[in-house]
Amino acid sequence: MSFKYNALALITASLLVTACGSSSSSSDNGNTTEDGEQEITSNYETVELDATDGSTAVQLDLASGAIVTDDSWHLAYQKYLGFKLNGGSSGDAGVSGCIAHEYSSIFDSTGASIEDEFKLLTVSSTEDSFVAVTADSCTDFVEDSVATFIETEEWLDADYSAGAPVYGAKAGNGWIIRSADGATYGRVSVNSVEVVFGASTTRKLVFNSELWNGSVFETAQLSPELDFSEDQVYWDLETNSLVSATDDWELSVSVNGRDYPLQINGGASGTGQAGVGAVLSDDLASVTDPTDTAQVYKYFADTASGVLSGPGTYGPLQYAVAGGHLMWPTFTTYLIKDAQDRLFKVQVVSNYGANGNSASGNLVLRYEELN
C-alpha cells in the first residue's frame, strides 16, 4: 500500500463520508470504565471537501456541515494557498480561532518535521485527544490578517546610517505578474521609492513594467506615481494606470505601521486571479514566455495569516514530511468561534479523501459544535 500517512488503512472505518463529499455523518465515541460508565463522549461529524481545483476556495459552514458559496462559511481551503477563516482580512463574518491541542513532538526545535513522530499519528490514535478538547481548551482567539507573497524586504531598502531611515528601491527587485483576469502578464519592478518624514509624511513609489504581448515583452514604461501616504492605492498592469479597489487592479500598496505591504489581486487580498510567478531561474530577464511552466512553475497569490496558518506549512497540513510532495495531517485541533458565539472544534485528518487514495486536495475533517 502506498503511504499517504500512517492512518490510511483506518480512514475508511473511522470516517463515514457520503459519495458526493459534501455531507457529514456522526460518530459517538467514548472510553468506557470497568464498571461500564462513559468517561468521554463526543458526537462529532466528518465531512469531505473537494478542493482539488486550485483556482477557487472551498467554503465550509460548520453549523450545517455544508459546502456553501454565500457568506455563511466559517473556514475555507484553497489548494496551494491554504486555509482561512471568515473574519478579519479574509471575511466579514467575525470568525476567529485558536489552537486547542497540537502534537509538539512532530517538529524539532528548528521547526523541521520528525517523520517517525508523524507516523504515530493516525485517525484512531488522535481521536481521544480530539474528543478531550472542550470550550475551555484555549481562549486566545484571533482573526485572519494578510500575508503578502511579495515581502517588503524584497523591494524596499532602508538606510539608517543618518538616523531617520532613507528609503529607496532595492536593486534587482522584480516579479513576473499575472493579471487579475488571468489572461495578461508583465515583468514588473519597483523603480523608485520616496518617503519624506514630517508633520504629514509622504510615501510614493513608481513601478517599471514590461507588458507581454503574447510573443515578447514590450518596451518598459514607468507607472504614474503611486502616493500611498494616507490611503491604499491600486495599479492596473494592462493600462499602466491608477484605478480604484473595485476595478481590475493587479498590485496595491499601503501603509501598515512600519510595513508597506505590496498586495496582489488574488487569494487573501482580492477576488481576481492575479499572481506572482515562481520563476525557475535566478534571472528574471531570462523569462521569455510567462505561460511556459518550464520557465514559470506556478503563480501564487497572497495568503491568510491566522490560527489556521500553523503549525504546519499549510496549517493543519505539513508538506513533504518524508520527502516528495505529499501533505501530512498534523492532527491539530482548533476551536473556531463565530459572531453568534457558536463554538466548534475542528481537525483535518486527510488530504487524500476518505479512502486515502484520492487526489491531493480531497480534505477530510472531523468537527463538533460545542455550544
Foldseek 3Di string as FASTA:
>chain_A
DDPLAQALVPLLVLADEDPVQFAKDWDWDFDADPVGDTPFTDTWIKTKDQQVPQQDKFFAQPVHSGTDDDLNGAKIAHPPFFIFGQDDLQHDFAKWKAFLDFDPVQADPVRAGDRVVLNVDYPVVCVVVLRPGAPVSDDPIDHKDWDFPDFQVLFWDWDCPPPHTFIWTDPPHWFWKAFQQRPWIKIKGWDIWGWDDDPQIKTKTKMWIFTDPQFFTHDIDIAPIDTQSPHKWFAARVVSYTDDQPDRTAWIWHDDPPGIDIFGQDESNHDGSMFTFPAPDPDPVVDGDCVDCVGTVDGHHMHIDHNQCDDAVNRQWHAQSPHDGRIRGSQTWMWMATPVRWIKIKHWRAQAASSNPHDGNTIMMMMDTND
